[in-house]
C-alpha atoms as a PDB file:
ATOM      1  CA  MET A   1    -132.465 -11.431  30.471  1.00  0.00           C
ATOM      2  CA  LYS A   2    -132.805  -8.479  32.725  1.00  0.00           C
ATOM      3  CA  ARG A   3    -135.267  -5.772  31.781  1.00  0.00           C
ATOM      4  CA  SER A   4    -132.524  -3.099  31.667  1.00  0.00           C
ATOM      5  CA  ASN A   5    -130.487  -5.142  29.158  1.00  0.00           C
ATOM      6  CA  ARG A   6    -133.510  -5.593  26.888  1.00  0.00           C
ATOM      7  CA  LEU A   7    -134.111  -1.850  26.984  1.00  0.00           C
ATOM      8  CA  VAL A   8    -130.511  -1.103  25.945  1.00  0.00           C
ATOM      9  CA  LEU A   9    -130.785  -3.606  23.069  1.00  0.00           C
ATOM     10  CA  LEU A  10    -134.028  -2.063  21.810  1.00  0.00           C
ATOM     11  CA  ILE A  11    -132.549   1.441  21.907  1.00  0.00           C
ATOM     12  CA  GLY A  12    -129.523   0.258  19.886  1.00  0.00           C
ATOM     13  CA  VAL A  13    -131.725  -1.362  17.229  1.00  0.00           C
ATOM     14  CA  PHE A  14    -133.847   1.784  16.998  1.00  0.00           C
ATOM     15  CA  LEU A  15    -130.802   4.010  16.546  1.00  0.00           C
ATOM     16  CA  ALA A  16    -129.442   1.709  13.819  1.00  0.00           C
ATOM     17  CA  ILE A  17    -132.765   1.902  11.939  1.00  0.00           C
ATOM     18  CA  VAL A  18    -132.800   5.696  12.221  1.00  0.00           C
ATOM     19  CA  ALA A  19    -129.220   5.914  10.895  1.00  0.00           C
ATOM     20  CA  PHE A  20    -130.042   3.643   7.944  1.00  0.00           C
ATOM     21  CA  VAL A  21    -133.115   5.677   7.020  1.00  0.00           C
ATOM     22  CA  GLY A  22    -131.105   8.895   7.244  1.00  0.00           C
ATOM     23  CA  ILE A  23    -128.416   7.571   4.895  1.00  0.00           C
ATOM     24  CA  VAL A  24    -131.043   6.521   2.327  1.00  0.00           C
ATOM     25  CA  ILE A  25    -132.683   9.968   2.469  1.00  0.00           C
ATOM     26  CA  VAL A  26    -129.354  11.793   2.013  1.00  0.00           C
ATOM     27  CA  LEU A  27    -128.350   9.653  -0.955  1.00  0.00           C
ATOM     28  CA  SER A  28    -131.715  10.055  -2.666  1.00  0.00           C
ATOM     29  CA  GLN A  29    -131.592  13.835  -2.206  1.00  0.00           C
ATOM     30  CA  GLY A  30    -128.054  13.911  -3.647  1.00  0.00           C
ATOM     31  CA  ASP A  31    -129.190  12.119  -6.826  1.00  0.00           C
ATOM     32  CA  ARG A  32    -132.173  14.446  -7.289  1.00  0.00           C
ATOM     33  CA  SER A  33    -130.038  17.583  -6.776  1.00  0.00           C
ATOM     34  CA  GLY A  34    -127.595  16.672  -9.555  1.00  0.00           C
ATOM     35  CA  GLY A  35    -124.631  15.500  -7.536  1.00  0.00           C
ATOM     36  CA  PRO A  36    -121.399  14.288  -9.119  1.00  0.00           C
ATOM     37  CA  ALA A  37    -122.806  10.867 -10.029  1.00  0.00           C
ATOM     38  CA  ALA A  38    -125.886  12.348 -11.673  1.00  0.00           C
ATOM     39  CA  SER A  39    -124.182  15.262 -13.477  1.00  0.00           C
ATOM     40  CA  ALA A  40    -121.533  13.019 -15.016  1.00  0.00           C
ATOM     41  CA  ALA A  41    -124.138  11.333 -17.178  1.00  0.00           C
ATOM     42  CA  ALA A  42    -126.526  14.267 -17.655  1.00  0.00           C
ATOM     43  CA  PRO A  43    -126.768  15.446 -21.302  1.00  0.00           C
ATOM     44  CA  ILE A  44    -125.723  19.032 -22.122  1.00  0.00           C
ATOM     45  CA  ASN A  45    -127.264  21.250 -24.783  1.00  0.00           C
ATOM     46  CA  THR A  46    -124.707  21.463 -27.631  1.00  0.00           C
ATOM     47  CA  VAL A  47    -124.627  23.564 -30.816  1.00  0.00           C
ATOM     48  CA  VAL A  48    -124.443  21.559 -34.069  1.00  0.00           C
ATOM     49  CA  ALA A  49    -124.642  22.453 -37.755  1.00  0.00           C
ATOM     50  CA  ALA A  50    -128.158  22.294 -39.203  1.00  0.00           C
ATOM     51  CA  GLN A  51    -126.628  22.078 -42.709  1.00  0.00           C
ATOM     52  CA  ASP A  52    -123.276  21.867 -44.449  1.00  0.00           C
ATOM     53  CA  ILE A  53    -121.457  25.150 -43.762  1.00  0.00           C
ATOM     54  CA  PRO A  54    -118.785  26.124 -46.314  1.00  0.00           C
ATOM     55  CA  LEU A  55    -115.419  27.625 -45.476  1.00  0.00           C
ATOM     56  CA  GLY A  56    -115.660  31.374 -44.915  1.00  0.00           C
ATOM     57  CA  ALA A  57    -119.414  31.467 -44.191  1.00  0.00           C
ATOM     58  CA  ARG A  58    -120.641  33.904 -41.565  1.00  0.00           C
ATOM     59  CA  LEU A  59    -122.931  32.027 -39.185  1.00  0.00           C
ATOM     60  CA  THR A  60    -126.667  32.772 -39.102  1.00  0.00           C
ATOM     61  CA  ALA A  61    -129.394  31.310 -36.903  1.00  0.00           C
ATOM     62  CA  GLY A  62    -130.688  29.100 -39.721  1.00  0.00           C
ATOM     63  CA  MET A  63    -127.344  27.305 -40.010  1.00  0.00           C
ATOM     64  CA  LEU A  64    -127.364  26.139 -36.384  1.00  0.00           C
ATOM     65  CA  THR A  65    -129.392  23.951 -34.061  1.00  0.00           C
ATOM     66  CA  THR A  66    -128.806  22.170 -30.752  1.00  0.00           C
ATOM     67  CA  LYS A  67    -128.699  18.558 -29.636  1.00  0.00           C
ATOM     68  CA  PRO A  68    -128.042  16.962 -26.233  1.00  0.00           C
ATOM     69  CA  PHE A  69    -124.680  15.278 -25.700  1.00  0.00           C
ATOM     70  CA  THR A  70    -123.155  13.794 -22.579  1.00  0.00           C
ATOM     71  CA  PRO A  71    -119.920  15.410 -21.401  1.00  0.00           C
ATOM     72  CA  GLY A  72    -117.922  12.504 -22.803  1.00  0.00           C
ATOM     73  CA  GLN A  73    -119.486  12.977 -26.249  1.00  0.00           C
ATOM     74  CA  ARG A  74    -118.935  16.740 -26.519  1.00  0.00           C
ATOM     75  CA  ARG A  75    -115.994  18.202 -28.456  1.00  0.00           C
ATOM     76  CA  PRO A  76    -113.548  20.315 -26.430  1.00  0.00           C
ATOM     77  CA  GLY A  77    -114.634  23.937 -26.663  1.00  0.00           C
ATOM     78  CA  ALA A  78    -118.205  23.104 -27.765  1.00  0.00           C
ATOM     79  CA  PHE A  79    -120.930  25.727 -27.374  1.00  0.00           C
ATOM     80  CA  GLN A  80    -124.278  25.477 -25.599  1.00  0.00           C
ATOM     81  CA  GLU A  81    -126.217  28.261 -27.337  1.00  0.00           C
ATOM     82  CA  PRO A  82    -126.168  29.446 -30.998  1.00  0.00           C
ATOM     83  CA  SER A  83    -126.145  33.057 -29.782  1.00  0.00           C
ATOM     84  CA  GLN A  84    -122.564  32.521 -28.605  1.00  0.00           C
ATOM     85  CA  ILE A  85    -121.261  32.265 -32.189  1.00  0.00           C
ATOM     86  CA  LEU A  86    -123.768  34.045 -34.436  1.00  0.00           C
ATOM     87  CA  GLY A  87    -122.024  36.317 -36.949  1.00  0.00           C
ATOM     88  CA  GLN A  88    -118.637  34.630 -36.637  1.00  0.00           C
ATOM     89  CA  THR A  89    -116.760  33.372 -39.712  1.00  0.00           C
ATOM     90  CA  VAL A  90    -115.846  29.682 -39.851  1.00  0.00           C
ATOM     91  CA  ARG A  91    -112.233  28.941 -40.777  1.00  0.00           C
ATOM     92  CA  ARG A  92    -112.863  25.383 -42.003  1.00  0.00           C
ATOM     93  CA  PRO A  93    -115.746  23.551 -43.733  1.00  0.00           C
ATOM     94  CA  ILE A  94    -118.332  22.112 -41.311  1.00  0.00           C
ATOM     95  CA  PHE A  95    -120.629  19.206 -42.176  1.00  0.00           C
ATOM     96  CA  LYS A  96    -124.257  18.815 -41.147  1.00  0.00           C
ATOM     97  CA  ASP A  97    -124.822  17.540 -37.576  1.00  0.00           C
ATOM     98  CA  ALA A  98    -121.194  18.230 -36.618  1.00  0.00           C
ATOM     99  CA  GLN A  99    -120.612  19.939 -33.275  1.00  0.00           C
ATOM    100  CA  LEU A 100    -119.153  23.433 -33.475  1.00  0.00           C
ATOM    101  CA  SER A 101    -116.258  24.343 -31.218  1.00  0.00           C
ATOM    102  CA  THR A 102    -113.653  27.060 -30.769  1.00  0.00           C
ATOM    103  CA  ALA A 103    -111.344  25.160 -33.159  1.00  0.00           C
ATOM    104  CA  ASP A 104    -113.718  25.932 -36.054  1.00  0.00           C
ATOM    105  CA  PHE A 105    -112.874  29.629 -35.738  1.00  0.00           C
ATOM    106  CA  THR A 106    -109.112  29.215 -35.422  1.00  0.00           C
ATOM    107  CA  GLU A 107    -106.679  28.997 -38.353  1.00  0.00           C
ATOM    108  CA  ASP A 108    -104.777  25.730 -38.666  1.00  0.00           C
ATOM    109  CA  PRO A 109    -102.595  25.202 -41.793  1.00  0.00           C
ATOM    110  CA  SER A 110    -102.645  21.450 -41.188  1.00  0.00           C
ATOM    111  CA  THR A 111    -106.356  21.355 -42.115  1.00  0.00           C
ATOM    112  CA  LEU A 112    -105.835  22.944 -45.550  1.00  0.00           C
ATOM    113  CA  VAL A 113    -108.058  21.383 -48.236  1.00  0.00           C
ATOM    114  CA  VAL A 114    -107.823  22.318 -51.935  1.00  0.00           C
ATOM    115  CA  PRO A 115    -111.337  22.508 -53.459  1.00  0.00           C
ATOM    116  CA  GLU A 116    -112.110  20.167 -56.332  1.00  0.00           C
ATOM    117  CA  GLY A 117    -111.021  21.553 -59.699  1.00  0.00           C
ATOM    118  CA  LYS A 118    -108.825  24.252 -58.099  1.00  0.00           C
ATOM    119  CA  ARG A 119    -105.129  24.693 -57.439  1.00  0.00           C
ATOM    120  CA  ALA A 120    -103.415  26.143 -54.382  1.00  0.00           C
ATOM    121  CA  ILE A 121    -100.848  28.903 -54.830  1.00  0.00           C
ATOM    122  CA  SER A 122     -99.153  31.045 -52.190  1.00  0.00           C
ATOM    123  CA  VAL A 123     -98.625  34.789 -52.336  1.00  0.00           C
ATOM    124  CA  GLN A 124     -96.174  36.480 -49.992  1.00  0.00           C
ATOM    125  CA  VAL A 125     -97.451  39.804 -48.650  1.00  0.00           C
ATOM    126  CA  ASN A 126     -96.576  42.293 -45.953  1.00  0.00           C
ATOM    127  CA  GLN A 127     -98.454  44.898 -43.951  1.00  0.00           C
ATOM    128  CA  VAL A 128     -98.592  47.309 -46.891  1.00  0.00           C
ATOM    129  CA  ASN A 129     -99.723  45.061 -49.743  1.00  0.00           C
ATOM    130  CA  GLY A 130    -101.505  42.467 -47.604  1.00  0.00           C
ATOM    131  CA  VAL A 131    -104.076  44.580 -45.726  1.00  0.00           C
ATOM    132  CA  GLY A 132    -101.934  44.739 -42.622  1.00  0.00           C
ATOM    133  CA  THR A 133    -101.585  40.904 -42.685  1.00  0.00           C
ATOM    134  CA  LEU A 134    -105.194  40.703 -41.461  1.00  0.00           C
ATOM    135  CA  ILE A 135    -106.186  38.241 -44.201  1.00  0.00           C
ATOM    136  CA  LYS A 136    -107.397  34.954 -42.729  1.00  0.00           C
ATOM    137  CA  THR A 137    -108.475  31.510 -43.867  1.00  0.00           C
ATOM    138  CA  GLY A 138    -111.920  31.636 -45.447  1.00  0.00           C
ATOM    139  CA  ASP A 139    -111.643  35.268 -46.569  1.00  0.00           C
ATOM    140  CA  TYR A 140    -112.007  36.383 -50.179  1.00  0.00           C
ATOM    141  CA  VAL A 141    -109.443  38.608 -51.890  1.00  0.00           C
ATOM    142  CA  ASP A 142    -108.771  40.372 -55.192  1.00  0.00           C
ATOM    143  CA  LEU A 143    -105.327  40.855 -56.732  1.00  0.00           C
ATOM    144  CA  VAL A 144    -104.081  44.175 -58.129  1.00  0.00           C
ATOM    145  CA  LEU A 145    -101.051  44.204 -60.422  1.00  0.00           C
ATOM    146  CA  GLY A 146     -98.755  47.167 -60.915  1.00  0.00           C
ATOM    147  CA  LEU A 147     -96.157  47.331 -63.705  1.00  0.00           C
ATOM    148  CA  THR A 148     -93.638  50.122 -63.918  1.00  0.00           C
ATOM    149  CA  GLY A 149     -90.276  50.876 -65.516  1.00  0.00           C
ATOM    150  CA  SER A 150     -89.137  51.645 -69.043  1.00  0.00           C
ATOM    151  CA  ASP A 151     -88.491  47.958 -69.701  1.00  0.00           C
ATOM    152  CA  LYS A 152     -92.194  47.142 -69.330  1.00  0.00           C
ATOM    153  CA  PHE A 153     -93.620  49.346 -72.084  1.00  0.00           C
ATOM    154  CA  PRO A 154     -90.605  50.769 -73.989  1.00  0.00           C
ATOM    155  CA  VAL A 155     -91.132  53.487 -76.582  1.00  0.00           C
ATOM    156  CA  VAL A 156     -88.486  53.273 -79.302  1.00  0.00           C
ATOM    157  CA  THR A 157     -87.378  55.087 -82.433  1.00  0.00           C
ATOM    158  CA  ILE A 158     -85.645  53.523 -85.418  1.00  0.00           C
ATOM    159  CA  ASN A 159     -82.782  55.266 -87.160  1.00  0.00           C
ATOM    160  CA  PRO A 160     -83.556  55.105 -90.905  1.00  0.00           C
ATOM    161  CA  ASP A 161     -79.882  55.117 -91.782  1.00  0.00           C
ATOM    162  CA  ASP A 162     -78.773  52.014 -89.929  1.00  0.00           C
ATOM    163  CA  GLU A 163     -82.115  50.779 -88.497  1.00  0.00           C
ATOM    164  CA  SER A 164     -80.726  50.972 -84.997  1.00  0.00           C
ATOM    165  CA  ILE A 165     -83.281  51.127 -82.163  1.00  0.00           C
ATOM    166  CA  THR A 166     -83.171  53.837 -79.500  1.00  0.00           C
ATOM    167  CA  VAL A 167     -85.401  53.808 -76.377  1.00  0.00           C
ATOM    168  CA  VAL A 168     -87.126  57.130 -75.804  1.00  0.00           C
ATOM    169  CA  ALA A 169     -86.506  58.345 -72.281  1.00  0.00           C
ATOM    170  CA  GLY A 170     -88.937  60.287 -70.113  1.00  0.00           C
ATOM    171  CA  ILE A 171     -92.055  58.218 -70.903  1.00  0.00           C
ATOM    172  CA  ASN A 172     -94.164  57.175 -67.904  1.00  0.00           C
ATOM    173  CA  ALA A 173     -94.522  53.404 -68.208  1.00  0.00           C
ATOM    174  CA  THR A 174     -96.593  52.673 -65.088  1.00  0.00           C
ATOM    175  CA  SER A 175     -99.787  50.634 -65.471  1.00  0.00           C
ATOM    176  CA  VAL A 176    -102.114  49.335 -62.719  1.00  0.00           C
ATOM    177  CA  LYS A 177    -104.994  46.873 -63.111  1.00  0.00           C
ATOM    178  CA  LEU A 178    -107.339  44.849 -60.915  1.00  0.00           C
ATOM    179  CA  LEU A 179    -106.288  41.504 -62.352  1.00  0.00           C
ATOM    180  CA  ILE A 180    -108.185  38.720 -60.520  1.00  0.00           C
ATOM    181  CA  GLU A 181    -111.299  38.942 -58.352  1.00  0.00           C
ATOM    182  CA  GLY A 182    -112.932  36.713 -55.760  1.00  0.00           C
ATOM    183  CA  MET A 183    -110.207  34.238 -54.849  1.00  0.00           C
ATOM    184  CA  GLN A 184    -110.787  32.372 -51.598  1.00  0.00           C
ATOM    185  CA  VAL A 185    -108.062  32.035 -48.982  1.00  0.00           C
ATOM    186  CA  ILE A 186    -107.695  28.396 -47.919  1.00  0.00           C
ATOM    187  CA  GLY A 187    -104.772  28.924 -45.552  1.00  0.00           C
ATOM    188  CA  THR A 188    -102.270  31.397 -44.153  1.00  0.00           C
ATOM    189  CA  VAL A 189     -98.777  30.945 -42.752  1.00  0.00           C
ATOM    190  CA  ARG A 190     -97.278  33.474 -40.377  1.00  0.00           C
ATOM    191  CA  PRO A 191     -93.581  33.541 -39.407  1.00  0.00           C
ATOM    192  CA  PRO A 192     -92.404  33.098 -35.828  1.00  0.00           C
ATOM    193  CA  THR A 193     -92.856  36.197 -33.706  1.00  0.00           C
ATOM    194  CA  THR A 194     -89.329  36.210 -32.313  1.00  0.00           C
ATOM    195  CA  ALA A 195     -87.153  34.738 -35.036  1.00  0.00           C
ATOM    196  CA  THR A 196     -86.597  34.435 -38.768  1.00  0.00           C
ATOM    197  CA  ARG A 197     -87.581  31.202 -40.428  1.00  0.00           C
ATOM    198  CA  THR A 198     -86.724  29.857 -43.882  1.00  0.00           C
ATOM    199  CA  THR A 199     -89.259  27.537 -45.525  1.00  0.00           C
ATOM    200  CA  ASN A 200     -88.728  25.233 -48.490  1.00  0.00           C
ATOM    201  CA  ALA A 201     -84.995  25.319 -47.781  1.00  0.00           C
ATOM    202  CA  ALA A 202     -82.738  23.032 -49.791  1.00  0.00           C
ATOM    203  CA  PRO A 203     -82.543  19.640 -48.039  1.00  0.00           C
ATOM    204  CA  SER A 204     -79.258  18.025 -47.216  1.00  0.00           C
ATOM    205  CA  GLY A 205     -77.485  16.812 -50.351  1.00  0.00           C
ATOM    206  CA  SER A 206     -79.605  18.851 -52.788  1.00  0.00           C
ATOM    207  CA  ALA A 207     -78.486  21.603 -55.125  1.00  0.00           C
ATOM    208  CA  ALA A 208     -77.182  24.685 -53.383  1.00  0.00           C
ATOM    209  CA  ASN A 209     -79.259  26.992 -55.570  1.00  0.00           C
ATOM    210  CA  ALA A 210     -82.623  25.378 -54.699  1.00  0.00           C
ATOM    211  CA  PRO A 211     -85.356  28.038 -54.385  1.00  0.00           C
ATOM    212  CA  THR A 212     -86.091  29.275 -50.883  1.00  0.00           C
ATOM    213  CA  THR A 213     -88.748  31.479 -49.308  1.00  0.00           C
ATOM    214  CA  THR A 214     -87.827  33.454 -46.222  1.00  0.00           C
ATOM    215  CA  LEU A 215     -90.449  34.775 -43.827  1.00  0.00           C
ATOM    216  CA  SER A 216     -89.316  37.234 -41.201  1.00  0.00           C
ATOM    217  CA  ASP A 217     -91.179  38.556 -38.192  1.00  0.00           C
ATOM    218  CA  ASP A 218     -91.534  42.087 -39.614  1.00  0.00           C
ATOM    219  CA  GLY A 219     -95.169  41.728 -40.622  1.00  0.00           C
ATOM    220  CA  GLN A 220     -95.015  39.221 -43.471  1.00  0.00           C
ATOM    221  CA  GLU A 221     -97.494  36.514 -44.319  1.00  0.00           C
ATOM    222  CA  LEU A 222     -98.010  33.737 -46.849  1.00  0.00           C
ATOM    223  CA  VAL A 223    -101.571  33.740 -48.172  1.00  0.00           C
ATOM    224  CA  ILE A 224    -102.591  30.460 -49.823  1.00  0.00           C
ATOM    225  CA  LEU A 225    -105.263  30.906 -52.503  1.00  0.00           C
ATOM    226  CA  ALA A 226    -107.564  28.473 -54.313  1.00  0.00           C
ATOM    227  CA  VAL A 227    -107.354  29.384 -58.007  1.00  0.00           C
ATOM    228  CA  THR A 228    -107.965  28.053 -61.500  1.00  0.00           C
ATOM    229  CA  ALA A 229    -105.090  27.040 -63.755  1.00  0.00           C
ATOM    230  CA  GLN A 230    -105.362  30.301 -65.727  1.00  0.00           C
ATOM    231  CA  GLN A 231    -105.348  32.371 -62.539  1.00  0.00           C
ATOM    232  CA  ALA A 232    -102.238  30.521 -61.365  1.00  0.00           C
ATOM    233  CA  GLU A 233    -100.431  31.608 -64.544  1.00  0.00           C
ATOM    234  CA  LEU A 234    -101.494  35.221 -64.073  1.00  0.00           C
ATOM    235  CA  ILE A 235    -100.335  35.248 -60.457  1.00  0.00           C
ATOM    236  CA  LYS A 236     -96.981  33.717 -61.282  1.00  0.00           C
ATOM    237  CA  TYR A 237     -96.343  36.283 -64.009  1.00  0.00           C
ATOM    238  CA  ALA A 238     -97.318  39.076 -61.619  1.00  0.00           C
ATOM    239  CA  GLN A 239     -94.922  37.730 -59.004  1.00  0.00           C
ATOM    240  CA  LEU A 240     -92.031  37.563 -61.482  1.00  0.00           C
ATOM    241  CA  ASP A 241     -92.468  40.837 -63.326  1.00  0.00           C
ATOM    242  CA  GLY A 242     -94.700  43.152 -61.311  1.00  0.00           C
ATOM    243  CA  ASP A 243     -95.818  44.445 -57.949  1.00  0.00           C
ATOM    244  CA  ILE A 244     -98.932  42.879 -56.437  1.00  0.00           C
ATOM    245  CA  SER A 245    -101.365  43.764 -53.663  1.00  0.00           C
ATOM    246  CA  LEU A 246    -104.225  41.749 -52.199  1.00  0.00           C
ATOM    247  CA  LEU A 247    -107.565  43.438 -51.499  1.00  0.00           C
ATOM    248  CA  LEU A 248    -109.740  42.041 -48.707  1.00  0.00           C
ATOM    249  CA  ARG A 249    -113.385  41.467 -49.692  1.00  0.00           C
ATOM    250  CA  ASN A 250    -116.559  41.122 -47.629  1.00  0.00           C
ATOM    251  CA  SER A 251    -117.450  37.422 -47.447  1.00  0.00           C
ATOM    252  CA  ARG A 252    -121.147  38.291 -47.880  1.00  0.00           C
ATOM    253  CA  ASP A 253    -120.391  39.103 -51.512  1.00  0.00           C
ATOM    254  CA  PHE A 254    -119.818  35.396 -52.126  1.00  0.00           C
ATOM    255  CA  VAL A 255    -122.458  33.583 -50.013  1.00  0.00           C
ATOM    256  CA  ASP A 256    -126.201  34.070 -49.598  1.00  0.00           C
ATOM    257  CA  GLU A 257    -128.064  34.319 -46.298  1.00  0.00           C
ATOM    258  CA  ASN A 258    -128.101  30.517 -46.038  1.00  0.00           C
ATOM    259  CA  GLY A 259    -124.355  30.243 -46.534  1.00  0.00           C
ATOM    260  CA  GLU A 260    -124.635  28.886 -50.071  1.00  0.00           C
ATOM    261  CA  PRO A 261    -121.951  30.087 -52.537  1.00  0.00           C
ATOM    262  CA  VAL A 262    -122.992  32.743 -55.061  1.00  0.00           C
ATOM    263  CA  VAL A 263    -121.120  34.335 -57.959  1.00  0.00           C
ATOM    264  CA  SER A 264    -119.987  37.896 -57.315  1.00  0.00           C
ATOM    265  CA  LEU A 265    -120.241  40.187 -60.330  1.00  0.00           C
ATOM    266  CA  PRO A 266    -116.906  41.528 -61.619  1.00  0.00           C
ATOM    267  CA  ALA A 267    -116.093  45.153 -60.922  1.00  0.00           C
ATOM    268  CA  GLY A 268    -115.272  45.878 -64.556  1.00  0.00           C
ATOM    269  CA  THR A 269    -112.467  48.317 -63.885  1.00  0.00           C
ATOM    270  CA  THR A 270    -110.571  50.019 -66.700  1.00  0.00           C
ATOM    271  CA  GLY A 271    -107.072  50.004 -65.262  1.00  0.00           C
ATOM    272  CA  VAL A 272    -104.960  53.092 -64.734  1.00  0.00           C
ATOM    273  CA  ILE A 273    -102.081  54.726 -66.610  1.00  0.00           C
ATOM    274  CA  LEU A 274    -100.941  58.332 -66.407  1.00  0.00           C
ATOM    275  CA  LYS A 275    -103.176  59.334 -69.337  1.00  0.00           C
ATOM    276  CA  THR A 276    -106.180  57.879 -67.467  1.00  0.00           C
ATOM    277  CA  LEU A 277    -105.498  60.136 -64.501  1.00  0.00           C
ATOM    278  CA  VAL A 278    -105.116  63.199 -66.684  1.00  0.00           C
ATOM    279  CA  ASP A 279    -107.903  62.649 -69.226  1.00  0.00           C
ATOM    280  CA  GLY A 280    -110.233  60.360 -67.319  1.00  0.00           C
ATOM    281  CA  GLY A 281    -111.904  62.914 -65.087  1.00  0.00           C
ATOM    282  CA  TYR A 282    -109.777  62.376 -61.991  1.00  0.00           C
ATOM    283  CA  GLY A 283    -108.546  65.964 -61.922  1.00  0.00           C
ATOM    284  CA  VAL A 284    -104.837  65.247 -62.232  1.00  0.00           C
ATOM    285  CA  LEU A 285    -103.281  68.265 -63.922  1.00  0.00           C
ATOM    286  CA  ARG A 286    -100.854  68.065 -66.789  1.00  0.00           C
ATOM    287  CA  PRO A 287     -97.639  69.995 -66.011  1.00  0.00           C
ATOM    288  CA  GLU A 288     -97.196  73.213 -67.967  1.00  0.00           C
ATOM    289  CA  LEU A 289     -93.978  74.591 -69.364  1.00  0.00           C
ATOM    290  CA  VAL A 290     -92.971  77.942 -67.930  1.00  0.00           C
ATOM    291  CA  GLU A 291     -90.721  80.142 -70.048  1.00  0.00           C
ATOM    292  CA  ALA A 292     -88.018  81.767 -68.016  1.00  0.00           C
ATOM    293  CA  ILE A 293     -86.290  84.864 -69.361  1.00  0.00           C
ATOM    294  CA  ILE A 294     -82.637  84.804 -68.441  1.00  0.00           C
ATOM    295  CA  PRO A 295     -81.158  88.301 -67.940  1.00  0.00           C
ATOM    296  CA  ALA A 296     -78.381  89.255 -70.320  1.00  0.00           C
ATOM    297  CA  GLN A 297     -74.948  88.776 -68.888  1.00  0.00           C
END
């Protein structure tokens, strides 16, 4: 073989070796720098519950910790740092070691769970008697009942001659009382924003007078409460024969700093009638009669 041919062959072999070494170096640098192959399997810091977190708890640092999860193991919308969600209220119960995600702070009626020993009852409210329809799952509410009208507390006289009964007109029969305290909201249902929807409508073939509930888009909301059997009776009576309002409570009245449920002391209100406003120190004045002298005709 000629010397020039051997030289060309040696140069080709040398260039091939250099190219191979260069490829190895590039690939090794790509793995160390966290390229696509490396990052796909790299674990990511993920926020998980350090304890069971009840519905409606406001998150504190002690309730949260972090664990590494690969991207395939992480829930959609998971968080990397506890500081991202501190102070937020959870809208569903969360169990220890469960990952927290954006879904835990979003209302979803399909996840409604009735606590053991309780019943679920719905109360229809609007912007006036439902705190502007700002009540959300996990919140705590009180119920105020108002009764008014002469048929509620009639004052009557009995005619001694024939024992006939006559209702005395002009008597103020309005009475207001904080009836139930500390009920937890376990779900809410809002109507469509652009249409009117009827729920619980009579199915095909059923009686035409089946009860229906209509929610319109003018600021109405169904608030679903977890109550005892006695509270359910009180609420139903209030719905049938009174006017009700829901009062929004601070959730910290019902859980301690660790998120454990505590009993909130009752307010111990007295209720209000007209006499309470006049004689109870509220400064409401009793109307006075004014004698008017009519000139002689």
